[in-house]
Amino acid sequence: MLPKRERAKTIIDWRYQMLSFTRDIRPMFTKVDVEHMLDATYNHLDLSKYESVKGRADTIYSMVSFGAMPPGNPWPKEQVAKFKQWMDEGCPP
């Protein structure tokens, strides 16, 4: 077992590496992506809003992982992996 000081450091390091919507995920959606999805979904999917993306994260992940979104400019696999990691971490804001 690690000494108490080392355990605390491990917890802090783990939290520091967690992704956040505001810092890591929102910037992956371009202005065009946001506008396109608002039009295509009759304002039901706003990629600029945390609650909207969190609520449809599974669908968004399916679309980006198959290259169907964004149209004409699919995300590189690193970006898809980052989105999946964010989901796996519980979709933190």
C-alpha atoms as a PDB file:
ATOM      1  CA  MET A   1       0.000   0.000   0.000  1.00  0.00           C
ATOM      2  CA  LEU A   2       1.231   3.501  -0.846  1.00  0.00           C
ATOM      3  CA  PRO A   3       2.042   5.945   1.960  1.00  0.00           C
ATOM      4  CA  LYS A   4      -0.760   8.438   2.651  1.00  0.00           C
ATOM      5  CA  ARG A   5       1.061  11.310   0.919  1.00  0.00           C
ATOM      6  CA  GLU A   6       1.558   9.218  -2.257  1.00  0.00           C
ATOM      7  CA  ARG A   7      -2.092   8.101  -2.257  1.00  0.00           C
ATOM      8  CA  ALA A   8      -3.236  11.721  -2.051  1.00  0.00           C
ATOM      9  CA  LYS A   9      -0.938  12.665  -4.924  1.00  0.00           C
ATOM     10  CA  THR A  10      -2.351   9.820  -7.044  1.00  0.00           C
ATOM     11  CA  ILE A  11      -5.918  11.019  -6.445  1.00  0.00           C
ATOM     12  CA  ILE A  12      -5.018  14.597  -7.357  1.00  0.00           C
ATOM     13  CA  ASP A  13      -3.207  13.479 -10.521  1.00  0.00           C
ATOM     14  CA  TRP A  14      -6.203  11.344 -11.557  1.00  0.00           C
ATOM     15  CA  ARG A  15      -8.651  14.209 -11.126  1.00  0.00           C
ATOM     16  CA  TYR A  16      -6.388  16.587 -13.005  1.00  0.00           C
ATOM     17  CA  GLN A  17      -6.419  14.306 -16.036  1.00  0.00           C
ATOM     18  CA  MET A  18     -10.219  14.026 -16.240  1.00  0.00           C
ATOM     19  CA  LEU A  19     -11.726  15.665 -19.279  1.00  0.00           C
ATOM     20  CA  SER A  20     -14.369  18.362 -19.042  1.00  0.00           C
ATOM     21  CA  PHE A  21     -17.026  19.481 -21.491  1.00  0.00           C
ATOM     22  CA  THR A  22     -16.070  23.138 -21.268  1.00  0.00           C
ATOM     23  CA  ARG A  23     -12.320  22.693 -21.613  1.00  0.00           C
ATOM     24  CA  ASP A  24     -12.001  19.604 -23.825  1.00  0.00           C
ATOM     25  CA  ILE A  25     -15.230  18.623 -25.586  1.00  0.00           C
ATOM     26  CA  ARG A  26     -17.015  21.864 -26.508  1.00  0.00           C
ATOM     27  CA  PRO A  27     -14.004  23.162 -28.513  1.00  0.00           C
ATOM     28  CA  MET A  28     -14.162  20.063 -30.748  1.00  0.00           C
ATOM     29  CA  PHE A  29     -17.484  21.268 -32.196  1.00  0.00           C
ATOM     30  CA  THR A  30     -17.111  24.065 -34.745  1.00  0.00           C
ATOM     31  CA  LYS A  31     -19.570  26.909 -35.196  1.00  0.00           C
ATOM     32  CA  VAL A  32     -20.719  25.196 -38.403  1.00  0.00           C
ATOM     33  CA  ASP A  33     -21.272  21.909 -36.506  1.00  0.00           C
ATOM     34  CA  VAL A  34     -23.396  23.674 -33.897  1.00  0.00           C
ATOM     35  CA  GLU A  35     -25.488  25.533 -36.470  1.00  0.00           C
ATOM     36  CA  HIS A  36     -25.934  22.457 -38.679  1.00  0.00           C
ATOM     37  CA  MET A  37     -27.183  20.281 -35.823  1.00  0.00           C
ATOM     38  CA  LEU A  38     -29.538  22.984 -34.560  1.00  0.00           C
ATOM     39  CA  ASP A  39     -31.085  23.176 -38.044  1.00  0.00           C
ATOM     40  CA  ALA A  40     -31.095  19.404 -38.623  1.00  0.00           C
ATOM     41  CA  THR A  41     -32.715  18.612 -35.261  1.00  0.00           C
ATOM     42  CA  TYR A  42     -35.149  21.541 -35.068  1.00  0.00           C
ATOM     43  CA  ASN A  43     -33.197  23.012 -32.140  1.00  0.00           C
ATOM     44  CA  HIS A  44     -33.242  19.749 -30.157  1.00  0.00           C
ATOM     45  CA  LEU A  45     -29.476  19.159 -30.260  1.00  0.00           C
ATOM     46  CA  ASP A  46     -27.332  22.131 -29.355  1.00  0.00           C
ATOM     47  CA  LEU A  47     -23.700  21.035 -29.487  1.00  0.00           C
ATOM     48  CA  SER A  48     -22.669  24.188 -27.649  1.00  0.00           C
ATOM     49  CA  LYS A  49     -24.671  23.247 -24.530  1.00  0.00           C
ATOM     50  CA  TYR A  50     -23.435  20.756 -21.953  1.00  0.00           C
ATOM     51  CA  GLU A  51     -26.851  19.302 -21.064  1.00  0.00           C
ATOM     52  CA  SER A  52     -27.720  18.763 -24.716  1.00  0.00           C
ATOM     53  CA  VAL A  53     -24.471  16.943 -25.528  1.00  0.00           C
ATOM     54  CA  LYS A  54     -24.518  14.946 -22.293  1.00  0.00           C
ATOM     55  CA  GLY A  55     -28.095  13.816 -22.951  1.00  0.00           C
ATOM     56  CA  ARG A  56     -27.229  12.545 -26.416  1.00  0.00           C
ATOM     57  CA  ALA A  57     -23.631  11.507 -25.887  1.00  0.00           C
ATOM     58  CA  ASP A  58     -24.238   7.903 -27.010  1.00  0.00           C
ATOM     59  CA  THR A  59     -25.826   9.031 -30.279  1.00  0.00           C
ATOM     60  CA  ILE A  60     -23.131  11.628 -30.914  1.00  0.00           C
ATOM     61  CA  TYR A  61     -20.434   9.046 -30.226  1.00  0.00           C
ATOM     62  CA  SER A  62     -22.020   6.607 -32.690  1.00  0.00           C
ATOM     63  CA  MET A  63     -22.140   9.281 -35.375  1.00  0.00           C
ATOM     64  CA  VAL A  64     -18.572  10.522 -34.918  1.00  0.00           C
ATOM     65  CA  SER A  65     -17.097   7.037 -34.543  1.00  0.00           C
ATOM     66  CA  PHE A  66     -18.629   5.928 -37.858  1.00  0.00           C
ATOM     67  CA  GLY A  67     -17.533   9.146 -39.586  1.00  0.00           C
ATOM     68  CA  ALA A  68     -21.108  10.286 -40.217  1.00  0.00           C
ATOM     69  CA  MET A  69     -20.591  13.458 -38.222  1.00  0.00           C
ATOM     70  CA  PRO A  70     -19.478  16.120 -38.836  1.00  0.00           C
ATOM     71  CA  PRO A  71     -20.611  15.875 -42.458  1.00  0.00           C
ATOM     72  CA  GLY A  72     -17.735  16.023 -44.916  1.00  0.00           C
ATOM     73  CA  ASN A  73     -15.127  16.437 -42.193  1.00  0.00           C
ATOM     74  CA  PRO A  74     -15.025  13.400 -39.881  1.00  0.00           C
ATOM     75  CA  TRP A  75     -13.127  13.641 -36.624  1.00  0.00           C
ATOM     76  CA  PRO A  76      -9.701  12.029 -36.410  1.00  0.00           C
ATOM     77  CA  LYS A  77      -9.644   8.886 -34.272  1.00  0.00           C
ATOM     78  CA  GLU A  78      -7.865  10.770 -31.455  1.00  0.00           C
ATOM     79  CA  GLN A  79     -10.788  13.172 -31.199  1.00  0.00           C
ATOM     80  CA  VAL A  80     -13.293  10.297 -31.221  1.00  0.00           C
ATOM     81  CA  ALA A  81     -11.276   8.598 -28.463  1.00  0.00           C
ATOM     82  CA  LYS A  82     -11.295  11.806 -26.407  1.00  0.00           C
ATOM     83  CA  PHE A  83     -15.094  12.027 -26.669  1.00  0.00           C
ATOM     84  CA  LYS A  84     -15.397   8.367 -25.609  1.00  0.00           C
ATOM     85  CA  GLN A  85     -13.057   8.972 -22.662  1.00  0.00           C
ATOM     86  CA  TRP A  86     -15.223  11.912 -21.590  1.00  0.00           C
ATOM     87  CA  MET A  87     -18.274   9.629 -21.705  1.00  0.00           C
ATOM     88  CA  ASP A  88     -16.469   6.900 -19.759  1.00  0.00           C
ATOM     89  CA  GLU A  89     -15.565   9.474 -17.095  1.00  0.00           C
ATOM     90  CA  GLY A  90     -19.254  10.258 -16.592  1.00  0.00           C
ATOM     91  CA  CYS A  91     -19.526  13.292 -18.901  1.00  0.00           C
ATOM     92  CA  PRO A  92     -18.131  15.868 -16.453  1.00  0.00           C
ATOM     93  CA  PRO A  93     -19.071  19.488 -17.114  1.00  0.00           C
END
